[in-house]
């Protein structure tokens, strides 16, 4: 079984979470980890699960203006033009993929505020016809981070949980 993990990161926190999720998934599956600018426009290779993650900017997925603002605040990762929003917006549904799990990083102080990058990514993936496989938020202390203690362990555990659910699903389909 194969998984593709695609992430967008401006300060490195979302990248760290993506790597931890990929580590958890890799215990049971082959994983291809890609920064969004290196991700395929169309997923045509056999992929059983796509995991998409990005930072929450202005209660949603980033936009070129919010990425530029992150750069002004010291962000050194990613680029201003291409983020998860744009990648999902131009993505074609792959013939072998069907499940998408999404995650975001958010400021801990904003836990109770509505809107998140993961919610928007899930909505965009749903419009492409992908079935939801899970949604999760991971928390940073401030705009540039760092991640709260224990978040990378939670990300690794979530990746392992997704791997187990994917394996269970495959076993269930094989039994039919």
C-alpha atoms as a PDB file:
ATOM      1  CA  UNK A   1       0.000   0.000   0.000  1.00  0.00           C
ATOM      2  CA  UNK A   2       1.189   3.507  -0.810  1.00  0.00           C
ATOM      3  CA  UNK A   3       0.600   6.938   0.692  1.00  0.00           C
ATOM      4  CA  UNK A   4       1.463  10.405  -0.567  1.00  0.00           C
ATOM      5  CA  UNK A   5       2.019  13.137   2.035  1.00  0.00           C
ATOM      6  CA  UNK A   6       1.946  16.700   0.642  1.00  0.00           C
ATOM      7  CA  UNK A   7       2.641  19.676   2.871  1.00  0.00           C
ATOM      8  CA  UNK A   8       3.056  23.429   2.819  1.00  0.00           C
ATOM      9  CA  UNK A   9       5.209  25.077   5.469  1.00  0.00           C
ATOM     10  CA  UNK A  10       6.449  28.630   5.973  1.00  0.00           C
ATOM     11  CA  UNK A  11       8.302  28.321   9.300  1.00  0.00           C
ATOM     12  CA  UNK A  12       9.117  24.588   9.290  1.00  0.00           C
ATOM     13  CA  UNK A  13       6.504  23.533  11.858  1.00  0.00           C
ATOM     14  CA  UNK A  14       4.059  22.020   9.362  1.00  0.00           C
ATOM     15  CA  UNK A  15       6.956  20.287   7.621  1.00  0.00           C
ATOM     16  CA  UNK A  16       8.004  18.712  10.927  1.00  0.00           C
ATOM     17  CA  UNK A  17       4.436  17.486  11.482  1.00  0.00           C
ATOM     18  CA  UNK A  18       4.270  16.103   7.919  1.00  0.00           C
ATOM     19  CA  UNK A  19       7.520  14.219   8.469  1.00  0.00           C
ATOM     20  CA  UNK A  20       6.180  12.755  11.729  1.00  0.00           C
ATOM     21  CA  UNK A  21       2.898  11.711  10.059  1.00  0.00           C
ATOM     22  CA  UNK A  22       4.924  10.103   7.249  1.00  0.00           C
ATOM     23  CA  UNK A  23       7.044   8.269   9.855  1.00  0.00           C
ATOM     24  CA  UNK A  24       3.878   6.864  11.433  1.00  0.00           C
ATOM     25  CA  UNK A  25       2.483   5.817   8.063  1.00  0.00           C
ATOM     26  CA  UNK A  26       5.767   4.234   6.982  1.00  0.00           C
ATOM     27  CA  UNK A  27       5.525   1.598   9.701  1.00  0.00           C
ATOM     28  CA  UNK A  28       3.008  -0.220   7.478  1.00  0.00           C
ATOM     29  CA  UNK A  29       3.098   1.463   4.062  1.00  0.00           C
ATOM     30  CA  UNK A  30       5.370   2.991   1.435  1.00  0.00           C
ATOM     31  CA  UNK A  31       5.268   6.776   1.810  1.00  0.00           C
ATOM     32  CA  UNK A  32       6.198   9.528  -0.612  1.00  0.00           C
ATOM     33  CA  UNK A  33       6.685  12.843   1.260  1.00  0.00           C
ATOM     34  CA  UNK A  34       6.555  15.987  -0.887  1.00  0.00           C
ATOM     35  CA  UNK A  35       6.665  19.723  -0.284  1.00  0.00           C
ATOM     36  CA  UNK A  36       3.729  21.143  -2.254  1.00  0.00           C
ATOM     37  CA  UNK A  37       5.906  22.694  -4.981  1.00  0.00           C
ATOM     38  CA  UNK A  38       7.338  19.204  -5.637  1.00  0.00           C
ATOM     39  CA  UNK A  39       3.975  17.396  -5.536  1.00  0.00           C
ATOM     40  CA  UNK A  40       2.469  15.960  -8.710  1.00  0.00           C
ATOM     41  CA  UNK A  41      -0.328  17.984 -10.334  1.00  0.00           C
ATOM     42  CA  UNK A  42      -2.226  14.767 -10.990  1.00  0.00           C
ATOM     43  CA  UNK A  43      -1.897  11.691  -8.826  1.00  0.00           C
ATOM     44  CA  UNK A  44      -1.746   8.919 -11.402  1.00  0.00           C
ATOM     45  CA  UNK A  45       0.516   6.362  -9.721  1.00  0.00           C
ATOM     46  CA  UNK A  46      -1.316   3.886  -7.496  1.00  0.00           C
ATOM     47  CA  UNK A  47      -1.788   5.709  -4.199  1.00  0.00           C
ATOM     48  CA  UNK A  48      -4.162   4.466  -1.518  1.00  0.00           C
ATOM     49  CA  UNK A  49      -4.076   7.542   0.715  1.00  0.00           C
ATOM     50  CA  UNK A  50      -3.174  11.188   0.203  1.00  0.00           C
ATOM     51  CA  UNK A  51      -2.377  13.198   3.335  1.00  0.00           C
ATOM     52  CA  UNK A  52      -2.454  16.976   2.871  1.00  0.00           C
ATOM     53  CA  UNK A  53      -1.214  19.454   5.469  1.00  0.00           C
ATOM     54  CA  UNK A  54      -0.753  23.184   5.722  1.00  0.00           C
ATOM     55  CA  UNK A  55      -0.623  26.062   8.165  1.00  0.00           C
ATOM     56  CA  UNK A  56      -3.791  27.915   9.071  1.00  0.00           C
ATOM     57  CA  UNK A  57      -3.591  31.494   7.805  1.00  0.00           C
ATOM     58  CA  UNK A  58      -6.509  33.858   8.490  1.00  0.00           C
ATOM     59  CA  UNK A  59      -8.745  30.926   9.541  1.00  0.00           C
ATOM     60  CA  UNK A  60      -8.221  28.957   6.304  1.00  0.00           C
ATOM     61  CA  UNK A  61      -5.635  27.739   3.827  1.00  0.00           C
ATOM     62  CA  UNK A  62      -2.911  30.209   2.996  1.00  0.00           C
ATOM     63  CA  UNK A  63      -3.099  32.539   0.009  1.00  0.00           C
ATOM     64  CA  UNK A  64      -0.263  34.325  -1.805  1.00  0.00           C
ATOM     65  CA  UNK A  65      -0.797  37.433   0.351  1.00  0.00           C
ATOM     66  CA  UNK A  66      -0.722  35.507   3.650  1.00  0.00           C
ATOM     67  CA  UNK A  67       2.381  33.606   2.530  1.00  0.00           C
ATOM     68  CA  UNK A  68       4.042  36.939   1.693  1.00  0.00           C
ATOM     69  CA  UNK A  69       3.092  38.168   5.159  1.00  0.00           C
ATOM     70  CA  UNK A  70       4.632  35.034   6.703  1.00  0.00           C
ATOM     71  CA  UNK A  71       7.844  35.767   4.803  1.00  0.00           C
ATOM     72  CA  UNK A  72       7.840  39.305   6.203  1.00  0.00           C
ATOM     73  CA  UNK A  73       7.550  37.741   9.675  1.00  0.00           C
ATOM     74  CA  UNK A  74      10.616  35.578   9.090  1.00  0.00           C
ATOM     75  CA  UNK A  75       9.247  32.514   7.289  1.00  0.00           C
ATOM     76  CA  UNK A  76      11.968  30.930   5.182  1.00  0.00           C
ATOM     77  CA  UNK A  77      10.200  27.838   3.813  1.00  0.00           C
ATOM     78  CA  UNK A  78       7.817  27.419   0.881  1.00  0.00           C
ATOM     79  CA  UNK A  79       7.056  30.025  -1.732  1.00  0.00           C
ATOM     80  CA  UNK A  80       4.532  32.821  -2.144  1.00  0.00           C
ATOM     81  CA  UNK A  81       2.821  31.522  -5.274  1.00  0.00           C
ATOM     82  CA  UNK A  82       2.039  27.860  -4.599  1.00  0.00           C
ATOM     83  CA  UNK A  83       0.385  26.455  -1.521  1.00  0.00           C
ATOM     84  CA  UNK A  84      -2.034  23.669  -0.689  1.00  0.00           C
ATOM     85  CA  UNK A  85      -5.014  25.796  -1.831  1.00  0.00           C
ATOM     86  CA  UNK A  86      -3.547  26.227  -5.318  1.00  0.00           C
ATOM     87  CA  UNK A  87      -2.328  22.618  -5.524  1.00  0.00           C
ATOM     88  CA  UNK A  88      -5.760  21.221  -4.687  1.00  0.00           C
ATOM     89  CA  UNK A  89      -7.351  23.784  -7.010  1.00  0.00           C
ATOM     90  CA  UNK A  90      -5.444  22.476 -10.020  1.00  0.00           C
ATOM     91  CA  UNK A  91      -5.316  18.815  -9.041  1.00  0.00           C
ATOM     92  CA  UNK A  92      -7.119  16.222 -11.072  1.00  0.00           C
ATOM     93  CA  UNK A  93      -8.550  13.208  -9.351  1.00  0.00           C
ATOM     94  CA  UNK A  94      -6.111  10.341  -9.765  1.00  0.00           C
ATOM     95  CA  UNK A  95      -7.481   7.111 -11.106  1.00  0.00           C
ATOM     96  CA  UNK A  96      -6.075   5.046  -8.214  1.00  0.00           C
ATOM     97  CA  UNK A  97      -6.521   7.352  -5.238  1.00  0.00           C
ATOM     98  CA  UNK A  98      -9.648   7.595  -3.214  1.00  0.00           C
ATOM     99  CA  UNK A  99      -8.921   8.661   0.355  1.00  0.00           C
ATOM    100  CA  UNK A 100      -7.630  12.008   1.621  1.00  0.00           C
ATOM    101  CA  UNK A 101      -6.663  12.832   5.200  1.00  0.00           C
ATOM    102  CA  UNK A 102      -5.950  16.458   6.084  1.00  0.00           C
ATOM    103  CA  UNK A 103      -4.136  18.264   8.868  1.00  0.00           C
ATOM    104  CA  UNK A 104      -3.159  21.761   9.779  1.00  0.00           C
ATOM    105  CA  UNK A 105      -1.004  23.647  12.219  1.00  0.00           C
ATOM    106  CA  UNK A 106      -2.702  26.335  14.259  1.00  0.00           C
ATOM    107  CA  UNK A 107      -1.786  28.749  17.005  1.00  0.00           C
ATOM    108  CA  UNK A 108      -2.677  27.243  20.382  1.00  0.00           C
ATOM    109  CA  UNK A 109      -4.410  30.464  21.497  1.00  0.00           C
ATOM    110  CA  UNK A 110      -6.849  30.119  18.556  1.00  0.00           C
ATOM    111  CA  UNK A 111      -8.053  26.561  19.297  1.00  0.00           C
ATOM    112  CA  UNK A 112     -11.645  27.616  19.765  1.00  0.00           C
ATOM    113  CA  UNK A 113     -11.837  29.989  16.821  1.00  0.00           C
ATOM    114  CA  UNK A 114     -13.684  28.764  13.729  1.00  0.00           C
ATOM    115  CA  UNK A 115     -11.974  27.973  10.478  1.00  0.00           C
ATOM    116  CA  UNK A 116      -8.849  25.989   9.764  1.00  0.00           C
ATOM    117  CA  UNK A 117      -6.641  25.018   6.868  1.00  0.00           C
ATOM    118  CA  UNK A 118      -7.608  21.364   7.385  1.00  0.00           C
ATOM    119  CA  UNK A 119     -11.326  22.127   7.117  1.00  0.00           C
ATOM    120  CA  UNK A 120     -10.828  24.023   3.857  1.00  0.00           C
ATOM    121  CA  UNK A 121      -8.513  21.348   2.427  1.00  0.00           C
ATOM    122  CA  UNK A 122     -11.082  18.660   3.298  1.00  0.00           C
ATOM    123  CA  UNK A 123     -13.771  20.640   1.503  1.00  0.00           C
ATOM    124  CA  UNK A 124     -11.637  21.088  -1.626  1.00  0.00           C
ATOM    125  CA  UNK A 125     -10.685  17.386  -1.653  1.00  0.00           C
ATOM    126  CA  UNK A 126     -14.337  16.426  -1.266  1.00  0.00           C
ATOM    127  CA  UNK A 127     -15.230  18.560  -4.299  1.00  0.00           C
ATOM    128  CA  UNK A 128     -12.646  16.544  -6.250  1.00  0.00           C
ATOM    129  CA  UNK A 129     -14.481  13.358  -5.279  1.00  0.00           C
ATOM    130  CA  UNK A 130     -12.080  12.057  -2.637  1.00  0.00           C
ATOM    131  CA  UNK A 131     -13.467  10.330   0.432  1.00  0.00           C
ATOM    132  CA  UNK A 132     -12.395  11.743   3.814  1.00  0.00           C
ATOM    133  CA  UNK A 133      -9.969   9.631   5.817  1.00  0.00           C
ATOM    134  CA  UNK A 134      -9.466  11.942   8.788  1.00  0.00           C
ATOM    135  CA  UNK A 135      -8.763  15.469   9.903  1.00  0.00           C
ATOM    136  CA  UNK A 136      -6.394  16.661  12.618  1.00  0.00           C
ATOM    137  CA  UNK A 137      -4.936  19.897  13.996  1.00  0.00           C
ATOM    138  CA  UNK A 138      -1.505  20.330  15.565  1.00  0.00           C
ATOM    139  CA  UNK A 139      -0.611  23.357  17.639  1.00  0.00           C
ATOM    140  CA  UNK A 140       2.180  25.921  17.710  1.00  0.00           C
ATOM    141  CA  UNK A 141       2.812  28.492  20.425  1.00  0.00           C
ATOM    142  CA  UNK A 142       2.909  31.468  18.049  1.00  0.00           C
ATOM    143  CA  UNK A 143       2.946  32.292  14.340  1.00  0.00           C
ATOM    144  CA  UNK A 144       6.515  31.100  13.834  1.00  0.00           C
ATOM    145  CA  UNK A 145       6.261  28.290  16.397  1.00  0.00           C
ATOM    146  CA  UNK A 146       7.570  26.267  17.966  1.00  0.00           C
ATOM    147  CA  UNK A 147       5.229  23.299  18.092  1.00  0.00           C
ATOM    148  CA  UNK A 148       3.765  22.587  21.512  1.00  0.00           C
ATOM    149  CA  UNK A 149       5.480  19.776  23.412  1.00  0.00           C
ATOM    150  CA  UNK A 150       4.181  16.372  22.335  1.00  0.00           C
ATOM    151  CA  UNK A 151       2.807  17.471  18.950  1.00  0.00           C
ATOM    152  CA  UNK A 152       5.305  15.476  16.911  1.00  0.00           C
ATOM    153  CA  UNK A 153       4.466  12.364  18.928  1.00  0.00           C
ATOM    154  CA  UNK A 154       0.750  13.018  18.303  1.00  0.00           C
ATOM    155  CA  UNK A 155       1.485  13.420  14.584  1.00  0.00           C
ATOM    156  CA  UNK A 156       3.436  10.157  14.449  1.00  0.00           C
ATOM    157  CA  UNK A 157       0.631   8.367  16.305  1.00  0.00           C
ATOM    158  CA  UNK A 158      -1.979   9.808  13.916  1.00  0.00           C
ATOM    159  CA  UNK A 159       0.091   8.591  10.951  1.00  0.00           C
ATOM    160  CA  UNK A 160       0.239   5.111  12.484  1.00  0.00           C
ATOM    161  CA  UNK A 161      -3.528   5.226  13.118  1.00  0.00           C
ATOM    162  CA  UNK A 162      -4.153   6.181   9.470  1.00  0.00           C
ATOM    163  CA  UNK A 163      -1.876   3.322   8.376  1.00  0.00           C
ATOM    164  CA  UNK A 164      -3.816   0.844  10.497  1.00  0.00           C
ATOM    165  CA  UNK A 165      -7.164   2.086   9.204  1.00  0.00           C
ATOM    166  CA  UNK A 166      -5.922   1.853   5.624  1.00  0.00           C
ATOM    167  CA  UNK A 167      -4.722  -1.716   6.194  1.00  0.00           C
ATOM    168  CA  UNK A 168      -8.031  -2.665   7.825  1.00  0.00           C
ATOM    169  CA  UNK A 169      -9.888  -1.190   4.864  1.00  0.00           C
ATOM    170  CA  UNK A 170      -7.748  -3.155   2.396  1.00  0.00           C
ATOM    171  CA  UNK A 171      -8.320  -6.379   4.324  1.00  0.00           C
ATOM    172  CA  UNK A 172     -12.064  -5.705   4.336  1.00  0.00           C
ATOM    173  CA  UNK A 173     -12.103  -5.113   0.571  1.00  0.00           C
ATOM    174  CA  UNK A 174     -10.026  -8.246  -0.027  1.00  0.00           C
ATOM    175  CA  UNK A 175     -12.523 -10.312   1.958  1.00  0.00           C
ATOM    176  CA  UNK A 176     -15.412  -9.204  -0.259  1.00  0.00           C
END
